[in-house]
Amino acid sequence: MEILRRNKFPPPVRREAVARDWAGRGYSCALFTDPPGREWNGFVHATDELVTVVEGRLRMTVGAETCIAEPGDEVFIPRNTEHSVKNVHSGTSRWLYGYG
């Protein structure tokens, strides 16, 4: 299964455009901001999740797959799948996430 869809949203990524697209697919949309090096490890949710980078770069591990997500990319995280996120950008990363 492909977890990464490159360039789903054209930069500069607009939260309103992502929220509108995701709402049409049954997902919420919220913003997260991480300083350089911040990691979130070993998460599992009972719902599917989408992530889109607004600014920066994230290394994401979803199950056995790892990818680098950049602005405009969309990452799909299936329900009940362990996943981790790390800001690998030299500055702050801002990213949108939604549950469906």
Protein backbone atom coordinates (compact mmCIF):
# COMPACT_ATOMS: atom_id res chain seq x y z
CA MET A 1 0.00 0.00 0.00
CA GLU A 2 1.27 3.48 -0.87
CA ILE A 3 1.28 5.74 2.16
CA LEU A 4 2.69 8.84 0.41
CA ARG A 5 1.03 10.90 -2.28
CA ARG A 6 3.49 13.53 -3.50
CA ASN A 7 2.26 17.04 -4.34
CA LYS A 8 -1.38 16.40 -3.44
CA PHE A 9 -1.72 20.11 -2.58
CA PRO A 10 0.23 22.82 -4.44
CA PRO A 11 2.57 24.98 -2.34
CA PRO A 12 2.01 27.26 -0.65
CA VAL A 13 -0.28 24.82 1.13
CA ARG A 14 -3.47 26.52 2.27
CA ARG A 15 -5.18 25.08 5.32
CA GLU A 16 -8.62 26.02 3.96
CA ALA A 17 -8.04 24.06 0.75
CA VAL A 18 -6.85 20.98 2.63
CA ALA A 19 -9.76 21.20 5.10
CA ARG A 20 -12.26 21.45 2.23
CA ASP A 21 -10.73 18.45 0.43
CA TRP A 22 -10.56 16.36 3.58
CA ALA A 23 -14.10 17.28 4.71
CA GLY A 24 -15.34 15.95 1.38
CA ARG A 25 -13.61 12.67 2.20
CA GLY A 26 -14.93 12.55 5.78
CA TYR A 27 -11.81 13.81 7.62
CA SER A 28 -11.28 16.53 10.21
CA CYS A 29 -8.41 19.02 9.82
CA ALA A 30 -6.22 20.54 12.54
CA LEU A 31 -2.76 22.17 12.64
CA PHE A 32 0.28 20.91 14.53
CA THR A 33 3.58 22.77 14.98
CA ASP A 34 6.86 21.07 15.91
CA PRO A 35 10.32 22.49 16.65
CA PRO A 36 13.38 20.93 14.98
CA GLY A 37 14.02 17.36 16.10
CA ARG A 38 10.64 16.79 17.79
CA GLU A 39 9.51 13.17 17.61
CA TRP A 40 6.18 11.45 18.18
CA ASN A 41 6.66 7.69 18.38
CA GLY A 42 4.51 4.59 18.57
CA PHE A 43 1.03 6.03 18.04
CA VAL A 44 -1.98 3.89 17.08
CA HIS A 45 -5.48 5.26 16.40
CA ALA A 46 -8.79 3.45 15.86
CA THR A 47 -9.49 5.68 12.82
CA ASP A 48 -7.72 6.41 9.55
CA GLU A 49 -5.54 9.54 9.57
CA LEU A 50 -4.21 11.93 6.92
CA VAL A 51 -1.17 14.22 7.29
CA THR A 52 -0.10 17.04 4.98
CA VAL A 53 3.01 19.16 5.52
CA VAL A 54 2.43 22.91 5.28
CA GLU A 55 6.02 23.97 6.05
CA GLY A 56 9.19 21.94 6.75
CA ARG A 57 9.89 18.21 6.39
CA LEU A 58 8.69 15.20 8.34
CA ARG A 59 10.08 11.68 8.46
CA MET A 60 7.09 9.42 8.89
CA THR A 61 7.04 5.73 9.63
CA VAL A 62 3.72 3.99 9.03
CA GLY A 63 3.86 0.30 9.82
CA ALA A 64 6.97 -0.98 8.00
CA GLU A 65 7.18 1.96 5.54
CA THR A 66 9.19 5.17 6.04
CA CYS A 67 8.98 8.30 3.91
CA ILE A 68 10.00 11.95 3.96
CA ALA A 69 6.96 14.21 3.56
CA GLU A 70 7.42 17.75 2.24
CA PRO A 71 5.01 20.66 1.68
CA GLY A 72 1.98 19.56 -0.28
CA ASP A 73 2.53 15.82 0.23
CA GLU A 74 -0.24 13.76 1.81
CA VAL A 75 0.44 10.72 3.99
CA PHE A 76 -2.25 8.11 4.69
CA ILE A 77 -2.13 6.26 8.01
CA PRO A 78 -4.57 3.34 8.16
CA ARG A 79 -6.49 2.73 11.38
CA ASN A 80 -4.80 0.48 13.94
CA THR A 81 -1.36 0.98 12.33
CA GLU A 82 1.57 2.04 14.51
CA HIS A 83 3.12 5.26 13.24
CA SER A 84 5.77 7.81 14.18
CA VAL A 85 6.59 11.36 13.06
CA LYS A 86 9.86 13.31 13.34
CA ASN A 87 10.56 16.89 12.28
CA VAL A 88 13.72 16.49 10.17
CA HIS A 89 13.64 20.12 9.00
CA SER A 90 16.25 22.56 10.32
CA GLY A 91 13.43 24.84 11.46
CA THR A 92 9.87 24.59 12.67
CA SER A 93 7.58 22.25 10.78
CA ARG A 94 3.86 22.91 10.49
CA TRP A 95 1.56 20.10 9.44
CA LEU A 96 -2.11 19.34 9.15
CA TYR A 97 -3.66 16.14 10.40
CA GLY A 98 -7.16 14.77 10.24
CA TYR A 99 -9.08 11.70 11.37
CA GLY A 100 -11.74 10.03 9.27
